[in-house]
């Protein structure tokens, strides 16, 4: 397997869909369904990129972004916010917390996501 992508999303259908697409493209995929699982996973795994939902049970994706920015080990990891939360104000907030991309799940087919991931990872 190639580089590691963390998919942090509580929607099992979305997680499964993108996990399969990413694995078929040669990525190693690790998964968390909420912020607590995500922070534990990120502390141990140090993925090459994080695909992060905003709306999750408990703490939301913005809290994960804040925690990543507060960590010397995690703040260098690129984060793609991948949510159905409307962009108005949310994209700006996510980018101010360190996200490099903000994409709406419903509008982003796997091939578009893969193209953006590959572009970002090739710049590292």
PDB file of N, CA and C in Angstrom:
ATOM      1  N   UNK A   1       0.832  -1.193   0.000  1.00  0.00           N
ATOM      2  CA  UNK A   1       0.000   0.000   0.000  1.00  0.00           C
ATOM      3  C   UNK A   1       0.874   1.253   0.000  1.00  0.00           C
ATOM      4  N   UNK A   2       0.296   2.315  -0.525  1.00  0.00           N
ATOM      5  CA  UNK A   2       1.007   3.579  -0.600  1.00  0.00           C
ATOM      6  C   UNK A   2       0.801   4.437   0.625  1.00  0.00           C
ATOM      7  N   UNK A   3       0.579   5.686   0.396  1.00  0.00           N
ATOM      8  CA  UNK A   3       0.389   6.641   1.489  1.00  0.00           C
ATOM      9  C   UNK A   3      -0.898   6.365   2.256  1.00  0.00           C
ATOM     10  N   UNK A   4      -0.935   6.874   3.481  1.00  0.00           N
ATOM     11  CA  UNK A   4      -2.068   6.617   4.368  1.00  0.00           C
ATOM     12  C   UNK A   4      -3.015   7.809   4.420  1.00  0.00           C
ATOM     13  N   UNK A   5      -4.297   7.528   4.236  1.00  0.00           N
ATOM     14  CA  UNK A   5      -5.345   8.535   4.325  1.00  0.00           C
ATOM     15  C   UNK A   5      -6.256   8.155   5.502  1.00  0.00           C
ATOM     16  N   UNK A   6      -6.520   9.110   6.382  1.00  0.00           N
ATOM     17  CA  UNK A   6      -7.481   8.899   7.471  1.00  0.00           C
ATOM     18  C   UNK A   6      -8.825   9.441   7.024  1.00  0.00           C
ATOM     19  N   UNK A   7      -9.847   8.603   7.085  1.00  0.00           N
ATOM     20  CA  UNK A   7     -11.210   9.020   6.771  1.00  0.00           C
ATOM     21  C   UNK A   7     -11.952   9.114   8.103  1.00  0.00           C
ATOM     22  N   UNK A   8     -12.370  10.320   8.446  1.00  0.00           N
ATOM     23  CA  UNK A   8     -13.049  10.562   9.718  1.00  0.00           C
ATOM     24  C   UNK A   8     -14.468  11.025   9.406  1.00  0.00           C
ATOM     25  N   UNK A   9     -15.403  10.085   9.583  1.00  0.00           N
ATOM     26  CA  UNK A   9     -16.790  10.349   9.205  1.00  0.00           C
ATOM     27  C   UNK A   9     -17.680   9.345   9.918  1.00  0.00           C
ATOM     28  N   UNK A  10     -18.827   9.791  10.411  1.00  0.00           N
ATOM     29  CA  UNK A  10     -19.743   8.888  11.107  1.00  0.00           C
ATOM     30  C   UNK A  10     -20.727   8.202  10.166  1.00  0.00           C
ATOM     31  N   UNK A  11     -20.735   8.556   8.897  1.00  0.00           N
ATOM     32  CA  UNK A  11     -21.641   7.952   7.919  1.00  0.00           C
ATOM     33  C   UNK A  11     -20.961   6.713   7.320  1.00  0.00           C
ATOM     34  N   UNK A  12     -21.431   5.522   7.729  1.00  0.00           N
ATOM     35  CA  UNK A  12     -20.805   4.269   7.304  1.00  0.00           C
ATOM     36  C   UNK A  12     -20.840   4.092   5.789  1.00  0.00           C
ATOM     37  N   UNK A  13     -21.920   4.519   5.137  1.00  0.00           N
ATOM     38  CA  UNK A  13     -22.012   4.385   3.679  1.00  0.00           C
ATOM     39  C   UNK A  13     -20.928   5.212   2.994  1.00  0.00           C
ATOM     40  N   UNK A  14     -20.788   6.470   3.394  1.00  0.00           N
ATOM     41  CA  UNK A  14     -19.772   7.354   2.814  1.00  0.00           C
ATOM     42  C   UNK A  14     -18.375   6.809   3.102  1.00  0.00           C
ATOM     43  N   UNK A  15     -18.148   6.401   4.339  1.00  0.00           N
ATOM     44  CA  UNK A  15     -16.841   5.872   4.717  1.00  0.00           C
ATOM     45  C   UNK A  15     -16.479   4.675   3.856  1.00  0.00           C
ATOM     46  N   UNK A  16     -17.407   3.753   3.698  1.00  0.00           N
ATOM     47  CA  UNK A  16     -17.156   2.553   2.904  1.00  0.00           C
ATOM     48  C   UNK A  16     -16.896   2.895   1.437  1.00  0.00           C
ATOM     49  N   UNK A  17     -17.713   3.773   0.886  1.00  0.00           N
ATOM     50  CA  UNK A  17     -17.563   4.180  -0.511  1.00  0.00           C
ATOM     51  C   UNK A  17     -16.180   4.770  -0.778  1.00  0.00           C
ATOM     52  N   UNK A  18     -15.783   5.721   0.043  1.00  0.00           N
ATOM     53  CA  UNK A  18     -14.503   6.383  -0.195  1.00  0.00           C
ATOM     54  C   UNK A  18     -13.313   5.529   0.238  1.00  0.00           C
ATOM     55  N   UNK A  19     -13.509   4.680   1.233  1.00  0.00           N
ATOM     56  CA  UNK A  19     -12.434   3.768   1.619  1.00  0.00           C
ATOM     57  C   UNK A  19     -12.104   2.847   0.445  1.00  0.00           C
ATOM     58  N   UNK A  20     -13.136   2.286  -0.179  1.00  0.00           N
ATOM     59  CA  UNK A  20     -12.895   1.402  -1.331  1.00  0.00           C
ATOM     60  C   UNK A  20     -12.250   2.152  -2.491  1.00  0.00           C
ATOM     61  N   UNK A  21     -12.722   3.356  -2.781  1.00  0.00           N
ATOM     62  CA  UNK A  21     -12.151   4.141  -3.881  1.00  0.00           C
ATOM     63  C   UNK A  21     -10.682   4.470  -3.605  1.00  0.00           C
ATOM     64  N   UNK A  22     -10.382   4.845  -2.376  1.00  0.00           N
ATOM     65  CA  UNK A  22      -9.002   5.186  -2.017  1.00  0.00           C
ATOM     66  C   UNK A  22      -8.097   3.955  -2.045  1.00  0.00           C
ATOM     67  N   UNK A  23      -8.587   2.832  -1.524  1.00  0.00           N
ATOM     68  CA  UNK A  23      -7.788   1.607  -1.547  1.00  0.00           C
ATOM     69  C   UNK A  23      -7.551   1.136  -2.977  1.00  0.00           C
ATOM     70  N   UNK A  24      -8.562   1.248  -3.827  1.00  0.00           N
ATOM     71  CA  UNK A  24      -8.395   0.876  -5.236  1.00  0.00           C
ATOM     72  C   UNK A  24      -7.377   1.759  -5.939  1.00  0.00           C
ATOM     73  N   UNK A  25      -7.199   2.974  -5.435  1.00  0.00           N
ATOM     74  CA  UNK A  25      -6.218   3.905  -6.004  1.00  0.00           C
ATOM     75  C   UNK A  25      -4.832   3.714  -5.372  1.00  0.00           C
ATOM     76  N   UNK A  26      -4.700   2.737  -4.469  1.00  0.00           N
ATOM     77  CA  UNK A  26      -3.396   2.421  -3.902  1.00  0.00           C
ATOM     78  C   UNK A  26      -3.093   3.013  -2.542  1.00  0.00           C
ATOM     79  N   UNK A  27      -4.064   3.667  -1.928  1.00  0.00           N
ATOM     80  CA  UNK A  27      -3.849   4.252  -0.611  1.00  0.00           C
ATOM     81  C   UNK A  27      -4.155   3.243   0.492  1.00  0.00           C
ATOM     82  N   UNK A  28      -3.476   3.397   1.603  1.00  0.00           N
ATOM     83  CA  UNK A  28      -3.833   2.682   2.830  1.00  0.00           C
ATOM     84  C   UNK A  28      -4.827   3.591   3.540  1.00  0.00           C
ATOM     85  N   UNK A  29      -5.943   3.043   4.006  1.00  0.00           N
ATOM     86  CA  UNK A  29      -7.001   3.853   4.603  1.00  0.00           C
ATOM     87  C   UNK A  29      -7.224   3.422   6.048  1.00  0.00           C
ATOM     88  N   UNK A  30      -7.263   4.417   6.935  1.00  0.00           N
ATOM     89  CA  UNK A  30      -7.626   4.191   8.326  1.00  0.00           C
ATOM     90  C   UNK A  30      -8.886   5.000   8.592  1.00  0.00           C
ATOM     91  N   UNK A  31      -9.737   4.505   9.501  1.00  0.00           N
ATOM     92  CA  UNK A  31     -11.071   5.077   9.659  1.00  0.00           C
ATOM     93  C   UNK A  31     -11.383   5.359  11.122  1.00  0.00           C
ATOM     94  N   UNK A  32     -12.071   6.484  11.347  1.00  0.00           N
ATOM     95  CA  UNK A  32     -12.617   6.811  12.670  1.00  0.00           C
ATOM     96  C   UNK A  32     -14.013   7.388  12.454  1.00  0.00           C
ATOM     97  N   UNK A  33     -14.927   7.103  13.410  1.00  0.00           N
ATOM     98  CA  UNK A  33     -16.315   7.536  13.257  1.00  0.00           C
ATOM     99  C   UNK A  33     -16.683   8.754  14.091  1.00  0.00           C
ATOM    100  N   UNK A  34     -15.766   9.217  14.966  1.00  0.00           N
ATOM    101  CA  UNK A  34     -16.050  10.417  15.751  1.00  0.00           C
ATOM    102  C   UNK A  34     -14.734  11.082  16.157  1.00  0.00           C
ATOM    103  N   UNK A  35     -14.853  12.242  16.790  1.00  0.00           N
ATOM    104  CA  UNK A  35     -13.664  13.034  17.130  1.00  0.00           C
ATOM    105  C   UNK A  35     -12.748  12.312  18.113  1.00  0.00           C
ATOM    106  N   UNK A  36     -13.315  11.637  19.104  1.00  0.00           N
ATOM    107  CA  UNK A  36     -12.478  10.929  20.077  1.00  0.00           C
ATOM    108  C   UNK A  36     -11.673   9.825  19.405  1.00  0.00           C
ATOM    109  N   UNK A  37     -12.344   9.007  18.594  1.00  0.00           N
ATOM    110  CA  UNK A  37     -11.639   7.952  17.861  1.00  0.00           C
ATOM    111  C   UNK A  37     -10.589   8.568  16.944  1.00  0.00           C
ATOM    112  N   UNK A  38     -10.947   9.667  16.301  1.00  0.00           N
ATOM    113  CA  UNK A  38     -10.040  10.323  15.361  1.00  0.00           C
ATOM    114  C   UNK A  38      -8.747  10.763  16.044  1.00  0.00           C
ATOM    115  N   UNK A  39      -8.866  11.408  17.185  1.00  0.00           N
ATOM    116  CA  UNK A  39      -7.665  11.917  17.849  1.00  0.00           C
ATOM    117  C   UNK A  39      -6.765  10.770  18.330  1.00  0.00           C
ATOM    118  N   UNK A  40      -7.362   9.689  18.790  1.00  0.00           N
ATOM    119  CA  UNK A  40      -6.574   8.519  19.186  1.00  0.00           C
ATOM    120  C   UNK A  40      -5.877   7.917  17.975  1.00  0.00           C
ATOM    121  N   UNK A  41      -6.619   7.784  16.892  1.00  0.00           N
ATOM    122  CA  UNK A  41      -6.070   7.216  15.665  1.00  0.00           C
ATOM    123  C   UNK A  41      -4.930   8.086  15.122  1.00  0.00           C
ATOM    124  N   UNK A  42      -5.156   9.395  15.068  1.00  0.00           N
ATOM    125  CA  UNK A  42      -4.147  10.315  14.528  1.00  0.00           C
ATOM    126  C   UNK A  42      -2.886  10.337  15.390  1.00  0.00           C
ATOM    127  N   UNK A  43      -3.041  10.188  16.671  1.00  0.00           N
ATOM    128  CA  UNK A  43      -1.889  10.185  17.573  1.00  0.00           C
ATOM    129  C   UNK A  43      -0.982   8.989  17.323  1.00  0.00           C
ATOM    130  N   UNK A  44      -1.569   7.877  16.906  1.00  0.00           N
ATOM    131  CA  UNK A  44      -0.784   6.654  16.697  1.00  0.00           C
ATOM    132  C   UNK A  44      -0.349   6.445  15.259  1.00  0.00           C
ATOM    133  N   UNK A  45      -1.146   6.885  14.319  1.00  0.00           N
ATOM    134  CA  UNK A  45      -0.915   6.556  12.912  1.00  0.00           C
ATOM    135  C   UNK A  45      -0.178   7.613  12.091  1.00  0.00           C
ATOM    136  N   UNK A  46      -0.370   8.890  12.373  1.00  0.00           N
ATOM    137  CA  UNK A  46       0.221   9.985  11.594  1.00  0.00           C
ATOM    138  C   UNK A  46       0.019   9.786  10.076  1.00  0.00           C
ATOM    139  N   UNK A  47      -1.226   9.882   9.616  1.00  0.00           N
ATOM    140  CA  UNK A  47      -1.486   9.693   8.179  1.00  0.00           C
ATOM    141  C   UNK A  47      -0.873  10.808   7.340  1.00  0.00           C
ATOM    142  N   UNK A  48      -0.836  10.582   6.052  1.00  0.00           N
ATOM    143  CA  UNK A  48      -0.309  11.583   5.116  1.00  0.00           C
ATOM    144  C   UNK A  48      -1.340  12.664   4.813  1.00  0.00           C
ATOM    145  N   UNK A  49      -2.624  12.339   5.008  1.00  0.00           N
ATOM    146  CA  UNK A  49      -3.693  13.299   4.747  1.00  0.00           C
ATOM    147  C   UNK A  49      -4.938  12.847   5.507  1.00  0.00           C
ATOM    148  N   UNK A  50      -5.754  13.807   5.940  1.00  0.00           N
ATOM    149  CA  UNK A  50      -6.993  13.515   6.655  1.00  0.00           C
ATOM    150  C   UNK A  50      -8.170  14.007   5.834  1.00  0.00           C
ATOM    151  N   UNK A  51      -9.159  13.135   5.675  1.00  0.00           N
ATOM    152  CA  UNK A  51     -10.430  13.468   5.046  1.00  0.00           C
ATOM    153  C   UNK A  51     -11.442  13.554   6.188  1.00  0.00           C
ATOM    154  N   UNK A  52     -11.925  14.759   6.482  1.00  0.00           N
ATOM    155  CA  UNK A  52     -12.649  15.026   7.719  1.00  0.00           C
ATOM    156  C   UNK A  52     -14.054  15.564   7.498  1.00  0.00           C
ATOM    157  N   UNK A  53     -15.028  14.880   8.095  1.00  0.00           N
ATOM    158  CA  UNK A  53     -16.405  15.375   8.112  1.00  0.00           C
ATOM    159  C   UNK A  53     -16.523  16.414   9.228  1.00  0.00           C
ATOM    160  N   UNK A  54     -17.477  17.302   9.133  1.00  0.00           N
ATOM    161  CA  UNK A  54     -17.694  18.297  10.181  1.00  0.00           C
ATOM    162  C   UNK A  54     -18.745  17.827  11.181  1.00  0.00           C
ATOM    163  N   UNK A  55     -19.883  17.364  10.691  1.00  0.00           N
ATOM    164  CA  UNK A  55     -20.973  16.986  11.592  1.00  0.00           C
ATOM    165  C   UNK A  55     -20.812  15.526  12.001  1.00  0.00           C
ATOM    166  N   UNK A  56     -20.476  15.333  13.282  1.00  0.00           N
ATOM    167  CA  UNK A  56     -20.307  13.997  13.853  1.00  0.00           C
ATOM    168  C   UNK A  56     -20.870  14.019  15.270  1.00  0.00           C
ATOM    169  N   UNK A  57     -21.136  12.852  15.823  1.00  0.00           N
ATOM    170  CA  UNK A  57     -21.619  12.831  17.210  1.00  0.00           C
ATOM    171  C   UNK A  57     -20.531  13.331  18.167  1.00  0.00           C
ATOM    172  N   UNK A  58     -20.944  13.948  19.247  1.00  0.00           N
ATOM    173  CA  UNK A  58     -19.961  14.485  20.202  1.00  0.00           C
ATOM    174  C   UNK A  58     -19.311  15.725  19.607  1.00  0.00           C
ATOM    175  N   UNK A  59     -18.001  15.802  19.704  1.00  0.00           N
ATOM    176  CA  UNK A  59     -17.283  16.948  19.137  1.00  0.00           C
ATOM    177  C   UNK A  59     -17.346  16.890  17.617  1.00  0.00           C
ATOM    178  N   UNK A  60     -17.379  18.059  16.999  1.00  0.00           N
ATOM    179  CA  UNK A  60     -17.457  18.099  15.537  1.00  0.00           C
ATOM    180  C   UNK A  60     -16.069  18.185  14.900  1.00  0.00           C
ATOM    181  N   UNK A  61     -16.074  18.220  13.583  1.00  0.00           N
ATOM    182  CA  UNK A  61     -14.821  18.286  12.840  1.00  0.00           C
ATOM    183  C   UNK A  61     -14.017  19.551  13.107  1.00  0.00           C
ATOM    184  N   UNK A  62     -14.681  20.645  13.421  1.00  0.00           N
ATOM    185  CA  UNK A  62     -13.949  21.867  13.757  1.00  0.00           C
ATOM    186  C   UNK A  62     -13.091  21.646  15.001  1.00  0.00           C
ATOM    187  N   UNK A  63     -13.619  20.876  15.958  1.00  0.00           N
ATOM    188  CA  UNK A  63     -12.844  20.570  17.172  1.00  0.00           C
ATOM    189  C   UNK A  63     -11.634  19.705  16.841  1.00  0.00           C
ATOM    190  N   UNK A  64     -11.794  18.786  15.898  1.00  0.00           N
ATOM    191  CA  UNK A  64     -10.659  17.964  15.456  1.00  0.00           C
ATOM    192  C   UNK A  64      -9.600  18.860  14.815  1.00  0.00           C
ATOM    193  N   UNK A  65     -10.030  19.785  13.969  1.00  0.00           N
ATOM    194  CA  UNK A  65      -9.087  20.722  13.344  1.00  0.00           C
ATOM    195  C   UNK A  65      -8.331  21.532  14.404  1.00  0.00           C
ATOM    196  N   UNK A  66      -9.054  22.031  15.400  1.00  0.00           N
ATOM    197  CA  UNK A  66      -8.409  22.805  16.475  1.00  0.00           C
ATOM    198  C   UNK A  66      -7.381  21.958  17.205  1.00  0.00           C
ATOM    199  N   UNK A  67      -7.748  20.737  17.535  1.00  0.00           N
ATOM    200  CA  UNK A  67      -6.830  19.848  18.255  1.00  0.00           C
ATOM    201  C   UNK A  67      -5.606  19.512  17.401  1.00  0.00           C
ATOM    202  N   UNK A  68      -5.807  19.317  16.120  1.00  0.00           N
ATOM    203  CA  UNK A  68      -4.667  19.034  15.236  1.00  0.00           C
ATOM    204  C   UNK A  68      -3.726  20.236  15.170  1.00  0.00           C
ATOM    205  N   UNK A  69      -4.284  21.435  15.073  1.00  0.00           N
ATOM    206  CA  UNK A  69      -3.444  22.635  15.010  1.00  0.00           C
ATOM    207  C   UNK A  69      -2.670  22.867  16.302  1.00  0.00           C
ATOM    208  N   UNK A  70      -3.210  22.386  17.412  1.00  0.00           N
ATOM    209  CA  UNK A  70      -2.547  22.549  18.710  1.00  0.00           C
ATOM    210  C   UNK A  70      -1.446  21.515  18.932  1.00  0.00           C
ATOM    211  N   UNK A  71      -1.376  20.523  18.061  1.00  0.00           N
ATOM    212  CA  UNK A  71      -0.389  19.456  18.203  1.00  0.00           C
ATOM    213  C   UNK A  71       0.769  19.634  17.228  1.00  0.00           C
ATOM    214  N   UNK A  72       1.981  19.696  17.747  1.00  0.00           N
ATOM    215  CA  UNK A  72       3.168  19.814  16.880  1.00  0.00           C
ATOM    216  C   UNK A  72       3.259  18.640  15.913  1.00  0.00           C
ATOM    217  N   UNK A  73       2.851  17.452  16.352  1.00  0.00           N
ATOM    218  CA  UNK A  73       2.931  16.253  15.514  1.00  0.00           C
ATOM    219  C   UNK A  73       1.876  16.206  14.425  1.00  0.00           C
ATOM    220  N   UNK A  74       0.739  16.866  14.643  1.00  0.00           N
ATOM    221  CA  UNK A  74      -0.382  16.732  13.713  1.00  0.00           C
ATOM    222  C   UNK A  74      -0.648  17.947  12.844  1.00  0.00           C
ATOM    223  N   UNK A  75      -0.150  19.112  13.232  1.00  0.00           N
ATOM    224  CA  UNK A  75      -0.547  20.321  12.502  1.00  0.00           C
ATOM    225  C   UNK A  75       0.003  20.401  11.077  1.00  0.00           C
ATOM    226  N   UNK A  76       1.001  19.574  10.762  1.00  0.00           N
ATOM    227  CA  UNK A  76       1.564  19.584   9.398  1.00  0.00           C
ATOM    228  C   UNK A  76       0.767  18.702   8.429  1.00  0.00           C
ATOM    229  N   UNK A  77      -0.139  17.879   8.958  1.00  0.00           N
ATOM    230  CA  UNK A  77      -0.900  16.951   8.110  1.00  0.00           C
ATOM    231  C   UNK A  77      -1.989  17.718   7.361  1.00  0.00           C
ATOM    232  N   UNK A  78      -2.019  17.623   6.031  1.00  0.00           N
ATOM    233  CA  UNK A  78      -3.086  18.300   5.288  1.00  0.00           C
ATOM    234  C   UNK A  78      -4.452  17.696   5.608  1.00  0.00           C
ATOM    235  N   UNK A  79      -5.448  18.571   5.721  1.00  0.00           N
ATOM    236  CA  UNK A  79      -6.820  18.145   6.025  1.00  0.00           C
ATOM    237  C   UNK A  79      -7.746  18.635   4.924  1.00  0.00           C
ATOM    238  N   UNK A  80      -8.521  17.697   4.383  1.00  0.00           N
ATOM    239  CA  UNK A  80      -9.599  18.024   3.460  1.00  0.00           C
ATOM    240  C   UNK A  80     -10.891  17.904   4.254  1.00  0.00           C
ATOM    241  N   UNK A  81     -11.611  18.998   4.407  1.00  0.00           N
ATOM    242  CA  UNK A  81     -12.933  18.914   5.004  1.00  0.00           C
ATOM    243  C   UNK A  81     -13.861  18.406   3.912  1.00  0.00           C
ATOM    244  N   UNK A  82     -14.594  17.363   4.255  1.00  0.00           N
ATOM    245  CA  UNK A  82     -15.451  16.672   3.309  1.00  0.00           C
ATOM    246  C   UNK A  82     -16.799  16.509   3.987  1.00  0.00           C
ATOM    247  N   UNK A  83     -17.695  17.453   3.737  1.00  0.00           N
ATOM    248  CA  UNK A  83     -18.928  17.544   4.513  1.00  0.00           C
ATOM    249  C   UNK A  83     -20.095  17.944   3.625  1.00  0.00           C
ATOM    250  N   UNK A  84     -21.295  17.773   4.109  1.00  0.00           N
ATOM    251  CA  UNK A  84     -22.476  18.302   3.426  1.00  0.00           C
ATOM    252  C   UNK A  84     -22.952  19.586   4.085  1.00  0.00           C
ATOM    253  N   UNK A  85     -22.187  20.081   5.045  1.00  0.00           N
ATOM    254  CA  UNK A  85     -22.484  21.347   5.689  1.00  0.00           C
ATOM    255  C   UNK A  85     -22.274  22.468   4.670  1.00  0.00           C
ATOM    256  N   UNK A  86     -23.252  23.357   4.501  1.00  0.00           N
ATOM    257  CA  UNK A  86     -23.107  24.429   3.508  1.00  0.00           C
ATOM    258  C   UNK A  86     -21.804  25.219   3.698  1.00  0.00           C
ATOM    259  N   UNK A  87     -21.272  25.700   2.581  1.00  0.00           N
ATOM    260  CA  UNK A  87     -19.987  26.397   2.624  1.00  0.00           C
ATOM    261  C   UNK A  87     -20.054  27.766   3.287  1.00  0.00           C
ATOM    262  N   UNK A  88     -21.185  28.450   3.215  1.00  0.00           N
ATOM    263  CA  UNK A  88     -21.269  29.815   3.724  1.00  0.00           C
ATOM    264  C   UNK A  88     -20.764  29.927   5.164  1.00  0.00           C
ATOM    265  N   UNK A  89     -19.593  30.493   5.291  1.00  0.00           N
ATOM    266  CA  UNK A  89     -18.977  30.696   6.594  1.00  0.00           C
ATOM    267  C   UNK A  89     -18.213  29.485   7.098  1.00  0.00           C
ATOM    268  N   UNK A  90     -18.676  28.297   6.775  1.00  0.00           N
ATOM    269  CA  UNK A  90     -18.026  27.083   7.257  1.00  0.00           C
ATOM    270  C   UNK A  90     -16.691  26.831   6.559  1.00  0.00           C
ATOM    271  N   UNK A  91     -16.638  27.103   5.256  1.00  0.00           N
ATOM    272  CA  UNK A  91     -15.371  26.918   4.542  1.00  0.00           C
ATOM    273  C   UNK A  91     -14.318  27.862   5.106  1.00  0.00           C
ATOM    274  N   UNK A  92     -14.683  29.112   5.308  1.00  0.00           N
ATOM    275  CA  UNK A  92     -13.739  30.093   5.857  1.00  0.00           C
ATOM    276  C   UNK A  92     -13.251  29.657   7.244  1.00  0.00           C
ATOM    277  N   UNK A  93     -14.183  29.184   8.071  1.00  0.00           N
ATOM    278  CA  UNK A  93     -13.811  28.724   9.410  1.00  0.00           C
ATOM    279  C   UNK A  93     -12.865  27.524   9.331  1.00  0.00           C
ATOM    280  N   UNK A  94     -13.183  26.566   8.466  1.00  0.00           N
ATOM    281  CA  UNK A  94     -12.335  25.381   8.327  1.00  0.00           C
ATOM    282  C   UNK A  94     -10.933  25.757   7.848  1.00  0.00           C
ATOM    283  N   UNK A  95     -10.861  26.636   6.872  1.00  0.00           N
ATOM    284  CA  UNK A  95      -9.550  27.050   6.358  1.00  0.00           C
ATOM    285  C   UNK A  95      -8.764  27.827   7.417  1.00  0.00           C
ATOM    286  N   UNK A  96      -9.455  28.627   8.227  1.00  0.00           N
ATOM    287  CA  UNK A  96      -8.764  29.373   9.286  1.00  0.00           C
ATOM    288  C   UNK A  96      -8.220  28.425  10.357  1.00  0.00           C
ATOM    289  N   UNK A  97      -8.791  27.228  10.437  1.00  0.00           N
ATOM    290  CA  UNK A  97      -8.323  26.222  11.393  1.00  0.00           C
ATOM    291  C   UNK A  97      -7.333  25.236  10.760  1.00  0.00           C
ATOM    292  N   UNK A  98      -6.932  25.501   9.515  1.00  0.00           N
ATOM    293  CA  UNK A  98      -5.881  24.698   8.903  1.00  0.00           C
ATOM    294  C   UNK A  98      -6.282  23.789   7.762  1.00  0.00           C
ATOM    295  N   UNK A  99      -7.556  23.698   7.422  1.00  0.00           N
ATOM    296  CA  UNK A  99      -7.964  22.842   6.307  1.00  0.00           C
ATOM    297  C   UNK A  99      -7.404  23.386   4.995  1.00  0.00           C
ATOM    298  N   UNK A 100      -6.954  22.491   4.120  1.00  0.00           N
ATOM    299  CA  UNK A 100      -6.424  22.919   2.826  1.00  0.00           C
ATOM    300  C   UNK A 100      -7.471  22.846   1.717  1.00  0.00           C
ATOM    301  N   UNK A 101      -8.543  22.057   1.941  1.00  0.00           N
ATOM    302  CA  UNK A 101      -9.644  21.937   0.978  1.00  0.00           C
ATOM    303  C   UNK A 101     -10.950  21.868   1.746  1.00  0.00           C
ATOM    304  N   UNK A 102     -12.030  22.304   1.098  1.00  0.00           N
ATOM    305  CA  UNK A 102     -13.378  22.183   1.653  1.00  0.00           C
ATOM    306  C   UNK A 102     -14.263  21.722   0.509  1.00  0.00           C
ATOM    307  N   UNK A 103     -14.773  20.501   0.622  1.00  0.00           N
ATOM    308  CA  UNK A 103     -15.582  19.938  -0.453  1.00  0.00           C
ATOM    309  C   UNK A 103     -16.921  19.463   0.095  1.00  0.00           C
ATOM    310  N   UNK A 104     -17.954  19.624  -0.709  1.00  0.00           N
ATOM    311  CA  UNK A 104     -19.281  19.143  -0.365  1.00  0.00           C
ATOM    312  C   UNK A 104     -19.383  17.698  -0.864  1.00  0.00           C
ATOM    313  N   UNK A 105     -19.679  16.777   0.049  1.00  0.00           N
ATOM    314  CA  UNK A 105     -19.753  15.351  -0.299  1.00  0.00           C
ATOM    315  C   UNK A 105     -20.677  15.100  -1.489  1.00  0.00           C
ATOM    316  N   UNK A 106     -21.869  15.667  -1.418  1.00  0.00           N
ATOM    317  CA  UNK A 106     -22.882  15.400  -2.444  1.00  0.00           C
ATOM    318  C   UNK A 106     -22.451  15.863  -3.834  1.00  0.00           C
ATOM    319  N   UNK A 107     -21.498  16.795  -3.898  1.00  0.00           N
ATOM    320  CA  UNK A 107     -21.058  17.356  -5.181  1.00  0.00           C
ATOM    321  C   UNK A 107     -19.684  16.843  -5.619  1.00  0.00           C
ATOM    322  N   UNK A 108     -19.104  15.909  -4.872  1.00  0.00           N
ATOM    323  CA  UNK A 108     -17.726  15.495  -5.163  1.00  0.00           C
ATOM    324  C   UNK A 108     -17.649  14.000  -5.436  1.00  0.00           C
ATOM    325  N   UNK A 109     -17.571  13.618  -6.712  1.00  0.00           N
ATOM    326  CA  UNK A 109     -17.413  12.198  -7.020  1.00  0.00           C
ATOM    327  C   UNK A 109     -16.013  11.714  -6.621  1.00  0.00           C
ATOM    328  N   UNK A 110     -15.851  10.416  -6.408  1.00  0.00           N
ATOM    329  CA  UNK A 110     -14.545   9.890  -5.993  1.00  0.00           C
ATOM    330  C   UNK A 110     -13.388  10.321  -6.900  1.00  0.00           C
ATOM    331  N   UNK A 111     -13.592  10.379  -8.206  1.00  0.00           N
ATOM    332  CA  UNK A 111     -12.473  10.734  -9.109  1.00  0.00           C
ATOM    333  C   UNK A 111     -11.993  12.172  -8.860  1.00  0.00           C
ATOM    334  N   UNK A 112     -12.920  13.073  -8.530  1.00  0.00           N
ATOM    335  CA  UNK A 112     -12.543  14.456  -8.223  1.00  0.00           C
ATOM    336  C   UNK A 112     -11.758  14.507  -6.921  1.00  0.00           C
ATOM    337  N   UNK A 113     -12.241  13.788  -5.925  1.00  0.00           N
ATOM    338  CA  UNK A 113     -11.533  13.717  -4.648  1.00  0.00           C
ATOM    339  C   UNK A 113     -10.132  13.151  -4.854  1.00  0.00           C
ATOM    340  N   UNK A 114     -10.004  12.061  -5.603  1.00  0.00           N
ATOM    341  CA  UNK A 114      -8.695  11.446  -5.842  1.00  0.00           C
ATOM    342  C   UNK A 114      -7.743  12.405  -6.557  1.00  0.00           C
ATOM    343  N   UNK A 115      -8.246  13.150  -7.517  1.00  0.00           N
ATOM    344  CA  UNK A 115      -7.397  14.106  -8.230  1.00  0.00           C
ATOM    345  C   UNK A 115      -6.856  15.168  -7.275  1.00  0.00           C
ATOM    346  N   UNK A 116      -7.714  15.676  -6.397  1.00  0.00           N
ATOM    347  CA  UNK A 116      -7.281  16.701  -5.434  1.00  0.00           C
ATOM    348  C   UNK A 116      -6.309  16.111  -4.407  1.00  0.00           C
ATOM    349  N   UNK A 117      -6.587  14.888  -3.943  1.00  0.00           N
ATOM    350  CA  UNK A 117      -5.679  14.232  -3.000  1.00  0.00           C
ATOM    351  C   UNK A 117      -4.293  14.055  -3.622  1.00  0.00           C
ATOM    352  N   UNK A 118      -4.265  13.521  -4.833  1.00  0.00           N
ATOM    353  CA  UNK A 118      -2.983  13.284  -5.490  1.00  0.00           C
ATOM    354  C   UNK A 118      -2.212  14.576  -5.709  1.00  0.00           C
ATOM    355  N   UNK A 119      -2.920  15.640  -6.083  1.00  0.00           N
ATOM    356  CA  UNK A 119      -2.265  16.926  -6.284  1.00  0.00           C
ATOM    357  C   UNK A 119      -1.648  17.427  -4.974  1.00  0.00           C
ATOM    358  N   UNK A 120      -2.411  17.380  -3.901  1.00  0.00           N
ATOM    359  CA  UNK A 120      -1.906  17.832  -2.611  1.00  0.00           C
ATOM    360  C   UNK A 120      -0.742  16.985  -2.134  1.00  0.00           C
ATOM    361  N   UNK A 121      -0.864  15.681  -2.227  1.00  0.00           N
ATOM    362  CA  UNK A 121       0.203  14.781  -1.763  1.00  0.00           C
ATOM    363  C   UNK A 121       1.465  14.914  -2.605  1.00  0.00           C
ATOM    364  N   UNK A 122       1.317  15.225  -3.885  1.00  0.00           N
ATOM    365  CA  UNK A 122       2.501  15.389  -4.744  1.00  0.00           C
ATOM    366  C   UNK A 122       3.291  16.649  -4.390  1.00  0.00           C
ATOM    367  N   UNK A 123       2.665  17.570  -3.674  1.00  0.00           N
ATOM    368  CA  UNK A 123       3.330  18.809  -3.272  1.00  0.00           C
ATOM    369  C   UNK A 123       4.032  18.689  -1.930  1.00  0.00           C
ATOM    370  N   UNK A 124       3.903  17.533  -1.284  1.00  0.00           N
ATOM    371  CA  UNK A 124       4.537  17.337   0.033  1.00  0.00           C
ATOM    372  C   UNK A 124       5.955  16.854  -0.138  1.00  0.00           C
TER     373      UNK A 124
END
